[in-house]
Amino acid sequence: MSALLAFLALLIERAVGYPDAVYRAIGHPVTWIGRLIAWADATLNRSDRSFGSRKAAGLLALAVFVIVAGAAGLTVQMAFGAGVGILATALVASSLLAQRSLESHVEAVADALERDGLEGGRKAVSMIVGRDPENLDEAGVSRAAIESLSENFSDGIVAPAFWLAVAGLPGAAIYKAVNTADSMIGHRTPKHEAFGWASARLDDLINLPASRLTALLIACAAWSLKYADSGASWRAVRRDARKHRSPNAGWPEAAMAGALGLALAGPRSYGGVLVEDAVMGEGGRRDAAAADIRRALRIYRRADALLIALVGLVAAAFIVHG
């Protein structure tokens, strides 16, 4: 029934998202696990300890995150049970997906560029990317928004849906805990290189299936749109995806770059430090604009619909033959 659970959760989140009233009342599962991660970082990641000790502490912390998240997911799933209870479980599971929020945040960048110009675009994109916005021109802001859309489609939607379909709510909850830990402590900085090592490596591993599936969904979605090039999308994936410094981010970014005829990624500045990276969509144009963000959003919507249909077909197959 896990595939059916994933299908229902995708439909619920696509329809209503995570209501602001609920967020104001109880917060969000990501903020809950984020508090635990922050506590572990402050308590266990002490600068007076050796590199090896902090690496071991990070491994212990990761085990705690996984156990807590998995136990919470299993408790909820068992409490509601099967039958009609699956709808309640799906409602909870929908909070681990981000279809509507991702779309609204990326669309806000296009709106800001068109309404308020470069400064507005920089402010809007700073809400969804970690790079230095003050160094970005209009093309840089647009590329950053498209890259964020592509990568977050994979780790904010496809990956949790995948693990929800494979391992139910416990699987999706564990995925979200690991992914949140990677975003908070999985950085190659003096503070987190040791403590966040285990979280970063596990996040790389559990995102492998979803990143490949996301690239396929984007390429298929491009085939249904006149302005997008599905063949170029897949060629970019095959040529460029493995060149990315991340073992996963390059797949959806290359797929989107090829579909739109853009050159994404490349050197980027984070906290004043220039990070070198390969270009996804090599040979494409760099002069992206708000119109390209909107084209990318249309591809995203088609790809998301394909994801929902795919999970629905898998669920139906299990129901019929199970």
C-alpha atoms as a PDB file:
ATOM      1  CA  MET A   1       0.000   0.000   0.000  1.00  0.00           C
ATOM      2  CA  SER A   2       3.027   2.294   0.119  1.00  0.00           C
ATOM      3  CA  ALA A   3       2.649   3.234  -3.558  1.00  0.00           C
ATOM      4  CA  LEU A   4      -0.987   4.181  -2.959  1.00  0.00           C
ATOM      5  CA  LEU A   5       0.115   6.214   0.058  1.00  0.00           C
ATOM      6  CA  ALA A   6       2.623   8.094  -2.108  1.00  0.00           C
ATOM      7  CA  PHE A   7       0.030   8.703  -4.813  1.00  0.00           C
ATOM      8  CA  LEU A   8      -2.500  10.112  -2.333  1.00  0.00           C
ATOM      9  CA  ALA A   9       0.128  12.264  -0.622  1.00  0.00           C
ATOM     10  CA  LEU A  10       1.198  13.750  -3.966  1.00  0.00           C
ATOM     11  CA  LEU A  11      -2.406  14.556  -4.869  1.00  0.00           C
ATOM     12  CA  ILE A  12      -3.106  16.148  -1.475  1.00  0.00           C
ATOM     13  CA  GLU A  13       0.024  18.293  -1.476  1.00  0.00           C
ATOM     14  CA  ARG A  14      -0.509  19.333  -5.096  1.00  0.00           C
ATOM     15  CA  ALA A  15      -4.054  20.433  -4.221  1.00  0.00           C
ATOM     16  CA  VAL A  16      -3.614  22.209  -0.887  1.00  0.00           C
ATOM     17  CA  GLY A  17       0.095  22.355  -0.053  1.00  0.00           C
ATOM     18  CA  TYR A  18       0.983  22.914   3.595  1.00  0.00           C
ATOM     19  CA  PRO A  19      -1.513  25.491   4.904  1.00  0.00           C
ATOM     20  CA  ASP A  20      -0.050  28.613   6.529  1.00  0.00           C
ATOM     21  CA  ALA A  21      -2.489  28.277   9.431  1.00  0.00           C
ATOM     22  CA  VAL A  22      -1.111  24.812  10.222  1.00  0.00           C
ATOM     23  CA  TYR A  23       2.455  26.084   9.989  1.00  0.00           C
ATOM     24  CA  ARG A  24       1.716  28.942  12.382  1.00  0.00           C
ATOM     25  CA  ALA A  25       0.007  26.566  14.816  1.00  0.00           C
ATOM     26  CA  ILE A  26       2.424  23.630  14.944  1.00  0.00           C
ATOM     27  CA  GLY A  27       5.346  24.388  12.647  1.00  0.00           C
ATOM     28  CA  HIS A  28       6.496  21.845  10.064  1.00  0.00           C
ATOM     29  CA  PRO A  29       8.175  18.402  10.267  1.00  0.00           C
ATOM     30  CA  VAL A  30      11.330  19.844   8.700  1.00  0.00           C
ATOM     31  CA  THR A  31      11.537  22.520  11.413  1.00  0.00           C
ATOM     32  CA  TRP A  32      11.043  19.851  14.073  1.00  0.00           C
ATOM     33  CA  ILE A  33      13.890  17.681  12.840  1.00  0.00           C
ATOM     34  CA  GLY A  34      15.880  20.844  12.210  1.00  0.00           C
ATOM     35  CA  ARG A  35      15.752  21.681  15.913  1.00  0.00           C
ATOM     36  CA  LEU A  36      17.129  18.239  16.765  1.00  0.00           C
ATOM     37  CA  ILE A  37      19.923  18.638  14.208  1.00  0.00           C
ATOM     38  CA  ALA A  38      20.793  22.109  15.519  1.00  0.00           C
ATOM     39  CA  TRP A  39      20.887  20.776  19.096  1.00  0.00           C
ATOM     40  CA  ALA A  40      23.186  17.912  18.086  1.00  0.00           C
ATOM     41  CA  ASP A  41      25.446  20.304  16.186  1.00  0.00           C
ATOM     42  CA  ALA A  42      25.745  22.647  19.156  1.00  0.00           C
ATOM     43  CA  THR A  43      26.220  19.837  21.674  1.00  0.00           C
ATOM     44  CA  LEU A  44      28.382  17.271  19.884  1.00  0.00           C
ATOM     45  CA  ASN A  45      30.300  19.255  17.260  1.00  0.00           C
ATOM     46  CA  ARG A  46      32.827  20.869  19.578  1.00  0.00           C
ATOM     47  CA  SER A  47      35.865  22.585  18.112  1.00  0.00           C
ATOM     48  CA  ASP A  48      38.135  21.317  20.913  1.00  0.00           C
ATOM     49  CA  ARG A  49      37.649  17.718  19.756  1.00  0.00           C
ATOM     50  CA  SER A  50      39.802  15.975  17.151  1.00  0.00           C
ATOM     51  CA  PHE A  51      38.692  15.518  13.562  1.00  0.00           C
ATOM     52  CA  GLY A  52      38.121  11.811  14.151  1.00  0.00           C
ATOM     53  CA  SER A  53      36.079  12.412  17.303  1.00  0.00           C
ATOM     54  CA  ARG A  54      33.837  14.917  15.554  1.00  0.00           C
ATOM     55  CA  LYS A  55      33.410  12.507  12.620  1.00  0.00           C
ATOM     56  CA  ALA A  56      32.327   9.759  15.035  1.00  0.00           C
ATOM     57  CA  ALA A  57      29.992  12.189  16.798  1.00  0.00           C
ATOM     58  CA  GLY A  58      28.434  13.073  13.447  1.00  0.00           C
ATOM     59  CA  LEU A  59      27.852   9.396  12.705  1.00  0.00           C
ATOM     60  CA  LEU A  60      26.196   8.944  16.101  1.00  0.00           C
ATOM     61  CA  ALA A  61      24.054  12.039  15.526  1.00  0.00           C
ATOM     62  CA  LEU A  62      22.970  10.736  12.117  1.00  0.00           C
ATOM     63  CA  ALA A  63      21.918   7.427  13.698  1.00  0.00           C
ATOM     64  CA  VAL A  64      19.774   9.374  16.172  1.00  0.00           C
ATOM     65  CA  PHE A  65      18.163  11.413  13.375  1.00  0.00           C
ATOM     66  CA  VAL A  66      17.327   8.242  11.437  1.00  0.00           C
ATOM     67  CA  ILE A  67      15.938   6.392  14.454  1.00  0.00           C
ATOM     68  CA  VAL A  68      13.822   9.322  15.657  1.00  0.00           C
ATOM     69  CA  ALA A  69      12.401  10.074  12.191  1.00  0.00           C
ATOM     70  CA  GLY A  70      11.771   6.432  11.357  1.00  0.00           C
ATOM     71  CA  ALA A  71      10.109   5.753  14.707  1.00  0.00           C
ATOM     72  CA  ALA A  72       7.880   8.798  14.352  1.00  0.00           C
ATOM     73  CA  GLY A  73       6.828   7.795  10.836  1.00  0.00           C
ATOM     74  CA  LEU A  74       6.158   4.203  11.876  1.00  0.00           C
ATOM     75  CA  THR A  75       4.133   5.322  14.901  1.00  0.00           C
ATOM     76  CA  VAL A  76       1.881   7.543  12.781  1.00  0.00           C
ATOM     77  CA  GLN A  77       1.440   4.901  10.089  1.00  0.00           C
ATOM     78  CA  MET A  78       0.562   2.189  12.613  1.00  0.00           C
ATOM     79  CA  ALA A  79      -1.751   4.498  14.549  1.00  0.00           C
ATOM     80  CA  PHE A  80      -3.911   5.249  11.509  1.00  0.00           C
ATOM     81  CA  GLY A  81      -3.684   1.747  10.037  1.00  0.00           C
ATOM     82  CA  ALA A  82      -4.923   0.663   6.620  1.00  0.00           C
ATOM     83  CA  GLY A  83      -8.298   1.184   4.961  1.00  0.00           C
ATOM     84  CA  VAL A  84      -9.724   4.646   5.523  1.00  0.00           C
ATOM     85  CA  GLY A  85      -6.762   5.397   7.801  1.00  0.00           C
ATOM     86  CA  ILE A  86      -4.485   5.570   4.773  1.00  0.00           C
ATOM     87  CA  LEU A  87      -6.026   8.950   3.933  1.00  0.00           C
ATOM     88  CA  ALA A  88      -4.967  10.340   7.311  1.00  0.00           C
ATOM     89  CA  THR A  89      -1.477   8.893   6.848  1.00  0.00           C
ATOM     90  CA  ALA A  90      -1.325  10.411   3.362  1.00  0.00           C
ATOM     91  CA  LEU A  91      -2.300  13.792   4.791  1.00  0.00           C
ATOM     92  CA  VAL A  92       0.636  13.600   7.205  1.00  0.00           C
ATOM     93  CA  ALA A  93       2.941  12.316   4.458  1.00  0.00           C
ATOM     94  CA  SER A  94       1.988  15.213   2.184  1.00  0.00           C
ATOM     95  CA  SER A  95       3.854  17.532   4.554  1.00  0.00           C
ATOM     96  CA  LEU A  96       7.108  15.899   3.408  1.00  0.00           C
ATOM     97  CA  LEU A  97       6.518  17.003  -0.205  1.00  0.00           C
ATOM     98  CA  ALA A  98       7.006  20.501  -1.634  1.00  0.00           C
ATOM     99  CA  GLN A  99       5.280  20.724  -5.007  1.00  0.00           C
ATOM    100  CA  ARG A 100       3.318  23.918  -4.369  1.00  0.00           C
ATOM    101  CA  SER A 101       5.897  25.745  -2.256  1.00  0.00           C
ATOM    102  CA  LEU A 102       8.683  25.083  -4.774  1.00  0.00           C
ATOM    103  CA  GLU A 103       6.559  26.408  -7.613  1.00  0.00           C
ATOM    104  CA  SER A 104       5.504  29.526  -5.695  1.00  0.00           C
ATOM    105  CA  HIS A 105       9.042  30.398  -4.566  1.00  0.00           C
ATOM    106  CA  VAL A 106      10.513  30.044  -8.045  1.00  0.00           C
ATOM    107  CA  GLU A 107       7.616  31.884  -9.677  1.00  0.00           C
ATOM    108  CA  ALA A 108       8.193  34.701  -7.175  1.00  0.00           C
ATOM    109  CA  VAL A 109      11.656  35.233  -8.676  1.00  0.00           C
ATOM    110  CA  ALA A 110      10.226  35.693 -12.172  1.00  0.00           C
ATOM    111  CA  ASP A 111       7.536  38.020 -10.789  1.00  0.00           C
ATOM    112  CA  ALA A 112      10.122  40.085  -8.902  1.00  0.00           C
ATOM    113  CA  LEU A 113      12.413  40.430 -11.917  1.00  0.00           C
ATOM    114  CA  GLU A 114       9.548  41.632 -14.105  1.00  0.00           C
ATOM    115  CA  ARG A 115       8.021  43.909 -11.460  1.00  0.00           C
ATOM    116  CA  ASP A 116      10.979  45.220  -9.430  1.00  0.00           C
ATOM    117  CA  GLY A 117      13.983  44.641 -11.652  1.00  0.00           C
ATOM    118  CA  LEU A 118      17.348  43.211 -10.651  1.00  0.00           C
ATOM    119  CA  GLU A 119      17.227  44.147  -6.961  1.00  0.00           C
ATOM    120  CA  GLY A 120      13.825  42.558  -6.564  1.00  0.00           C
ATOM    121  CA  GLY A 121      15.028  39.439  -8.330  1.00  0.00           C
ATOM    122  CA  ARG A 122      18.105  39.206  -6.122  1.00  0.00           C
ATOM    123  CA  LYS A 123      15.977  39.467  -2.986  1.00  0.00           C
ATOM    124  CA  ALA A 124      13.535  36.817  -4.198  1.00  0.00           C
ATOM    125  CA  VAL A 125      16.213  34.356  -5.299  1.00  0.00           C
ATOM    126  CA  SER A 126      18.065  34.726  -1.989  1.00  0.00           C
ATOM    127  CA  MET A 127      15.098  32.928  -0.400  1.00  0.00           C
ATOM    128  CA  ILE A 128      15.786  29.716  -2.332  1.00  0.00           C
ATOM    129  CA  VAL A 129      19.551  29.568  -3.010  1.00  0.00           C
ATOM    130  CA  GLY A 130      22.647  29.791  -0.853  1.00  0.00           C
ATOM    131  CA  ARG A 131      24.896  31.669  -3.263  1.00  0.00           C
ATOM    132  CA  ASP A 132      25.729  35.366  -2.935  1.00  0.00           C
ATOM    133  CA  PRO A 133      22.848  37.257  -4.610  1.00  0.00           C
ATOM    134  CA  GLU A 134      24.674  40.598  -4.734  1.00  0.00           C
ATOM    135  CA  ASN A 135      27.072  39.125  -7.307  1.00  0.00           C
ATOM    136  CA  LEU A 136      24.296  38.052  -9.681  1.00  0.00           C
ATOM    137  CA  ASP A 137      23.104  39.938 -12.740  1.00  0.00           C
ATOM    138  CA  GLU A 138      19.652  39.295 -14.226  1.00  0.00           C
ATOM    139  CA  ALA A 139      20.889  36.244 -16.120  1.00  0.00           C
ATOM    140  CA  GLY A 140      22.563  34.923 -12.959  1.00  0.00           C
ATOM    141  CA  VAL A 141      19.385  35.356 -10.924  1.00  0.00           C
ATOM    142  CA  SER A 142      17.375  33.568 -13.606  1.00  0.00           C
ATOM    143  CA  ARG A 143      19.838  30.690 -13.863  1.00  0.00           C
ATOM    144  CA  ALA A 144      19.930  30.348 -10.071  1.00  0.00           C
ATOM    145  CA  ALA A 145      16.131  30.085  -9.927  1.00  0.00           C
ATOM    146  CA  ILE A 146      16.045  27.469 -12.702  1.00  0.00           C
ATOM    147  CA  GLU A 147      18.854  25.451 -11.092  1.00  0.00           C
ATOM    148  CA  SER A 148      17.042  25.551  -7.750  1.00  0.00           C
ATOM    149  CA  LEU A 149      13.797  24.453  -9.405  1.00  0.00           C
ATOM    150  CA  SER A 150      15.535  21.519 -11.092  1.00  0.00           C
ATOM    151  CA  GLU A 151      17.488  20.298  -8.073  1.00  0.00           C
ATOM    152  CA  ASN A 152      14.657  20.785  -5.580  1.00  0.00           C
ATOM    153  CA  PHE A 153      12.220  18.969  -7.832  1.00  0.00           C
ATOM    154  CA  SER A 154      14.497  15.980  -7.274  1.00  0.00           C
ATOM    155  CA  ASP A 155      15.234  16.187  -3.545  1.00  0.00           C
ATOM    156  CA  GLY A 156      12.075  18.012  -2.430  1.00  0.00           C
ATOM    157  CA  ILE A 157       9.485  16.039  -4.390  1.00  0.00           C
ATOM    158  CA  VAL A 158      10.673  13.032  -6.379  1.00  0.00           C
ATOM    159  CA  ALA A 159      12.971  11.631  -3.667  1.00  0.00           C
ATOM    160  CA  PRO A 160      10.502  11.764  -0.745  1.00  0.00           C
ATOM    161  CA  ALA A 161       7.762  10.399  -3.034  1.00  0.00           C
ATOM    162  CA  PHE A 162      10.092   7.594  -4.117  1.00  0.00           C
ATOM    163  CA  TRP A 163      10.955   6.576  -0.556  1.00  0.00           C
ATOM    164  CA  LEU A 164       7.324   6.950   0.478  1.00  0.00           C
ATOM    165  CA  ALA A 165       6.358   4.493  -2.264  1.00  0.00           C
ATOM    166  CA  VAL A 166       9.189   2.109  -1.362  1.00  0.00           C
ATOM    167  CA  ALA A 167       9.113   2.181   2.448  1.00  0.00           C
ATOM    168  CA  GLY A 168       5.987   4.034   3.526  1.00  0.00           C
ATOM    169  CA  LEU A 169       5.921   6.974   5.904  1.00  0.00           C
ATOM    170  CA  PRO A 170       8.971   5.749   7.900  1.00  0.00           C
ATOM    171  CA  GLY A 171      11.037   5.711   4.697  1.00  0.00           C
ATOM    172  CA  ALA A 172       9.969   9.201   3.660  1.00  0.00           C
ATOM    173  CA  ALA A 173      10.530  10.559   7.168  1.00  0.00           C
ATOM    174  CA  ILE A 174      14.039   9.087   7.306  1.00  0.00           C
ATOM    175  CA  TYR A 175      14.804  10.521   3.879  1.00  0.00           C
ATOM    176  CA  LYS A 176      13.640  13.970   4.966  1.00  0.00           C
ATOM    177  CA  ALA A 177      15.707  13.820   8.162  1.00  0.00           C
ATOM    178  CA  VAL A 178      18.872  12.884   6.259  1.00  0.00           C
ATOM    179  CA  ASN A 179      18.259  15.491   3.577  1.00  0.00           C
ATOM    180  CA  THR A 180      17.669  18.186   6.189  1.00  0.00           C
ATOM    181  CA  ALA A 181      20.822  17.159   8.032  1.00  0.00           C
ATOM    182  CA  ASP A 182      22.804  17.426   4.804  1.00  0.00           C
ATOM    183  CA  SER A 183      21.450  20.926   4.162  1.00  0.00           C
ATOM    184  CA  MET A 184      22.321  22.055   7.700  1.00  0.00           C
ATOM    185  CA  ILE A 185      25.607  20.310   8.506  1.00  0.00           C
ATOM    186  CA  GLY A 186      26.727  18.564   5.308  1.00  0.00           C
ATOM    187  CA  HIS A 187      29.051  21.365   4.182  1.00  0.00           C
ATOM    188  CA  ARG A 188      32.762  21.075   3.452  1.00  0.00           C
ATOM    189  CA  THR A 189      33.701  23.803   5.902  1.00  0.00           C
ATOM    190  CA  PRO A 190      36.113  23.665   8.858  1.00  0.00           C
ATOM    191  CA  LYS A 191      33.135  23.455  11.224  1.00  0.00           C
ATOM    192  CA  HIS A 192      31.181  20.721   9.453  1.00  0.00           C
ATOM    193  CA  GLU A 193      33.573  18.746   7.265  1.00  0.00           C
ATOM    194  CA  ALA A 194      33.985  16.098   9.970  1.00  0.00           C
ATOM    195  CA  PHE A 195      30.673  16.293  11.834  1.00  0.00           C
ATOM    196  CA  GLY A 196      28.533  16.429   8.710  1.00  0.00           C
ATOM    197  CA  TRP A 197      30.499  13.867   6.696  1.00  0.00           C
ATOM    198  CA  ALA A 198      28.170  10.921   7.394  1.00  0.00           C
ATOM    199  CA  SER A 199      25.016  12.942   6.709  1.00  0.00           C
ATOM    200  CA  ALA A 200      26.385  14.245   3.409  1.00  0.00           C
ATOM    201  CA  ARG A 201      27.470  10.786   2.213  1.00  0.00           C
ATOM    202  CA  LEU A 202      24.183   9.128   3.140  1.00  0.00           C
ATOM    203  CA  ASP A 203      22.239  11.944   1.458  1.00  0.00           C
ATOM    204  CA  ASP A 204      24.239  11.393  -1.725  1.00  0.00           C
ATOM    205  CA  LEU A 205      23.405   7.691  -1.629  1.00  0.00           C
ATOM    206  CA  ILE A 206      19.661   7.916  -0.981  1.00  0.00           C
ATOM    207  CA  ASN A 207      19.194  10.589  -3.653  1.00  0.00           C
ATOM    208  CA  LEU A 208      20.730   8.493  -6.435  1.00  0.00           C
ATOM    209  CA  PRO A 209      17.489   6.866  -7.686  1.00  0.00           C
ATOM    210  CA  ALA A 210      15.409  10.054  -7.559  1.00  0.00           C
ATOM    211  CA  SER A 211      17.937  12.246  -9.368  1.00  0.00           C
ATOM    212  CA  ARG A 212      17.997   9.850 -12.324  1.00  0.00           C
ATOM    213  CA  LEU A 213      14.219   9.547 -12.346  1.00  0.00           C
ATOM    214  CA  THR A 214      13.894  13.354 -12.195  1.00  0.00           C
ATOM    215  CA  ALA A 215      16.093  13.752 -15.274  1.00  0.00           C
ATOM    216  CA  LEU A 216      13.888  11.266 -17.130  1.00  0.00           C
ATOM    217  CA  LEU A 217      10.707  13.071 -16.055  1.00  0.00           C
ATOM    218  CA  ILE A 218      12.079  16.437 -17.213  1.00  0.00           C
ATOM    219  CA  ALA A 219      13.172  15.030 -20.581  1.00  0.00           C
ATOM    220  CA  CYS A 220       9.756  13.407 -21.088  1.00  0.00           C
ATOM    221  CA  ALA A 221       7.972  16.613 -20.072  1.00  0.00           C
ATOM    222  CA  ALA A 222      10.059  18.561 -22.586  1.00  0.00           C
ATOM    223  CA  TRP A 223       8.816  16.251 -25.346  1.00  0.00           C
ATOM    224  CA  SER A 224       5.260  17.523 -24.747  1.00  0.00           C
ATOM    225  CA  LEU A 225       6.158  21.224 -25.122  1.00  0.00           C
ATOM    226  CA  LYS A 226       6.885  22.895 -28.460  1.00  0.00           C
ATOM    227  CA  TYR A 227       9.533  25.272 -27.143  1.00  0.00           C
ATOM    228  CA  ALA A 228      11.495  22.554 -25.279  1.00  0.00           C
ATOM    229  CA  ASP A 229      13.879  19.982 -26.752  1.00  0.00           C
ATOM    230  CA  SER A 230      13.578  16.507 -25.246  1.00  0.00           C
ATOM    231  CA  GLY A 231      16.432  15.074 -27.295  1.00  0.00           C
ATOM    232  CA  ALA A 232      18.802  17.862 -26.265  1.00  0.00           C
ATOM    233  CA  SER A 233      17.692  17.358 -22.679  1.00  0.00           C
ATOM    234  CA  TRP A 234      18.726  13.729 -22.648  1.00  0.00           C
ATOM    235  CA  ARG A 235      21.960  14.422 -24.564  1.00  0.00           C
ATOM    236  CA  ALA A 236      22.906  17.025 -21.948  1.00  0.00           C
ATOM    237  CA  VAL A 237      22.264  14.506 -19.183  1.00  0.00           C
ATOM    238  CA  ARG A 238      24.443  11.884 -20.811  1.00  0.00           C
ATOM    239  CA  ARG A 239      27.226  14.370 -21.571  1.00  0.00           C
ATOM    240  CA  ASP A 240      27.250  16.667 -18.526  1.00  0.00           C
ATOM    241  CA  ALA A 241      25.469  15.190 -15.500  1.00  0.00           C
ATOM    242  CA  ARG A 242      28.449  13.216 -14.154  1.00  0.00           C
ATOM    243  CA  LYS A 243      30.728  16.251 -14.456  1.00  0.00           C
ATOM    244  CA  HIS A 244      28.806  18.098 -11.703  1.00  0.00           C
ATOM    245  CA  ARG A 245      30.521  18.240  -8.302  1.00  0.00           C
ATOM    246  CA  SER A 246      27.387  16.673  -6.824  1.00  0.00           C
ATOM    247  CA  PRO A 247      26.636  13.045  -7.786  1.00  0.00           C
ATOM    248  CA  ASN A 248      22.941  13.944  -8.013  1.00  0.00           C
ATOM    249  CA  ALA A 249      22.313  17.626  -8.747  1.00  0.00           C
ATOM    250  CA  GLY A 250      23.814  17.425 -12.219  1.00  0.00           C
ATOM    251  CA  TRP A 251      21.117  15.064 -13.488  1.00  0.00           C
ATOM    252  CA  PRO A 252      18.049  17.338 -13.160  1.00  0.00           C
ATOM    253  CA  GLU A 253      20.081  20.480 -13.886  1.00  0.00           C
ATOM    254  CA  ALA A 254      21.525  19.034 -17.091  1.00  0.00           C
ATOM    255  CA  ALA A 255      18.091  17.786 -18.150  1.00  0.00           C
ATOM    256  CA  MET A 256      16.531  21.218 -17.674  1.00  0.00           C
ATOM    257  CA  ALA A 257      19.471  22.999 -19.301  1.00  0.00           C
ATOM    258  CA  GLY A 258      19.253  20.849 -22.423  1.00  0.00           C
ATOM    259  CA  ALA A 259      15.482  21.172 -22.615  1.00  0.00           C
ATOM    260  CA  LEU A 260      15.693  24.981 -22.564  1.00  0.00           C
ATOM    261  CA  GLY A 261      18.897  25.380 -24.571  1.00  0.00           C
ATOM    262  CA  LEU A 262      20.601  26.996 -21.580  1.00  0.00           C
ATOM    263  CA  ALA A 263      24.011  26.613 -19.946  1.00  0.00           C
ATOM    264  CA  LEU A 264      23.434  26.234 -16.194  1.00  0.00           C
ATOM    265  CA  ALA A 265      25.711  25.740 -13.180  1.00  0.00           C
ATOM    266  CA  GLY A 266      29.393  26.601 -13.723  1.00  0.00           C
ATOM    267  CA  PRO A 267      31.390  28.760 -11.242  1.00  0.00           C
ATOM    268  CA  ARG A 268      29.297  30.205  -8.393  1.00  0.00           C
ATOM    269  CA  SER A 269      30.033  32.270  -5.289  1.00  0.00           C
ATOM    270  CA  TYR A 270      28.998  31.091  -1.799  1.00  0.00           C
ATOM    271  CA  GLY A 271      29.845  33.217   1.213  1.00  0.00           C
ATOM    272  CA  GLY A 272      32.457  35.099  -0.755  1.00  0.00           C
ATOM    273  CA  VAL A 273      34.145  31.872  -1.909  1.00  0.00           C
ATOM    274  CA  LEU A 274      34.123  31.026  -5.618  1.00  0.00           C
ATOM    275  CA  VAL A 275      33.144  27.389  -6.152  1.00  0.00           C
ATOM    276  CA  GLU A 276      34.195  25.921  -9.473  1.00  0.00           C
ATOM    277  CA  ASP A 277      31.757  23.545 -11.139  1.00  0.00           C
ATOM    278  CA  ALA A 278      31.124  22.128 -14.581  1.00  0.00           C
ATOM    279  CA  VAL A 279      28.587  23.711 -16.914  1.00  0.00           C
ATOM    280  CA  MET A 280      25.369  21.764 -17.435  1.00  0.00           C
ATOM    281  CA  GLY A 281      24.045  22.165 -20.972  1.00  0.00           C
ATOM    282  CA  GLU A 282      27.434  22.930 -22.448  1.00  0.00           C
ATOM    283  CA  GLY A 283      27.105  25.100 -25.534  1.00  0.00           C
ATOM    284  CA  GLY A 284      23.791  26.586 -24.457  1.00  0.00           C
ATOM    285  CA  ARG A 285      23.203  30.277 -23.858  1.00  0.00           C
ATOM    286  CA  ARG A 286      23.948  31.929 -20.504  1.00  0.00           C
ATOM    287  CA  ASP A 287      21.659  34.940 -20.942  1.00  0.00           C
ATOM    288  CA  ALA A 288      18.644  33.500 -19.119  1.00  0.00           C
ATOM    289  CA  ALA A 289      15.730  35.784 -18.202  1.00  0.00           C
ATOM    290  CA  ALA A 290      12.408  35.748 -16.365  1.00  0.00           C
ATOM    291  CA  ALA A 291      10.763  34.236 -19.443  1.00  0.00           C
ATOM    292  CA  ASP A 292      13.102  31.242 -19.151  1.00  0.00           C
ATOM    293  CA  ILE A 293      12.081  30.779 -15.516  1.00  0.00           C
ATOM    294  CA  ARG A 294       8.465  30.602 -16.623  1.00  0.00           C
ATOM    295  CA  ARG A 295       9.343  28.091 -19.358  1.00  0.00           C
ATOM    296  CA  ALA A 296      11.178  25.983 -16.781  1.00  0.00           C
ATOM    297  CA  LEU A 297       8.118  26.134 -14.526  1.00  0.00           C
ATOM    298  CA  ARG A 298       5.907  24.812 -17.318  1.00  0.00           C
ATOM    299  CA  ILE A 299       8.318  21.893 -17.805  1.00  0.00           C
ATOM    300  CA  TYR A 300       8.289  21.327 -14.041  1.00  0.00           C
ATOM    301  CA  ARG A 301       4.479  21.204 -13.918  1.00  0.00           C
ATOM    302  CA  ARG A 302       4.376  18.660 -16.739  1.00  0.00           C
ATOM    303  CA  ALA A 303       7.128  16.582 -15.097  1.00  0.00           C
ATOM    304  CA  ASP A 304       5.331  16.692 -11.749  1.00  0.00           C
ATOM    305  CA  ALA A 305       2.106  15.525 -13.410  1.00  0.00           C
ATOM    306  CA  LEU A 306       4.043  12.657 -14.988  1.00  0.00           C
ATOM    307  CA  LEU A 307       5.412  11.725 -11.561  1.00  0.00           C
ATOM    308  CA  ILE A 308       1.921  11.619 -10.066  1.00  0.00           C
ATOM    309  CA  ALA A 309       0.656   9.533 -12.987  1.00  0.00           C
ATOM    310  CA  LEU A 310       3.605   7.147 -12.718  1.00  0.00           C
ATOM    311  CA  VAL A 311       3.118   6.587  -8.978  1.00  0.00           C
ATOM    312  CA  GLY A 312      -0.624   6.170  -9.572  1.00  0.00           C
ATOM    313  CA  LEU A 313       0.008   3.492 -12.202  1.00  0.00           C
ATOM    314  CA  VAL A 314       2.387   1.637  -9.873  1.00  0.00           C
ATOM    315  CA  ALA A 315      -0.197   1.792  -7.081  1.00  0.00           C
ATOM    316  CA  ALA A 316      -2.921   0.540  -9.410  1.00  0.00           C
ATOM    317  CA  ALA A 317      -0.730  -2.337 -10.587  1.00  0.00           C
ATOM    318  CA  PHE A 318      -0.075  -3.468  -7.023  1.00  0.00           C
ATOM    319  CA  ILE A 319      -3.767  -3.230  -6.141  1.00  0.00           C
ATOM    320  CA  VAL A 320      -4.833  -5.238  -9.187  1.00  0.00           C
ATOM    321  CA  HIS A 321      -2.134  -7.900  -8.959  1.00  0.00           C
ATOM    322  CA  GLY A 322      -1.504  -7.816  -5.205  1.00  0.00           C
END
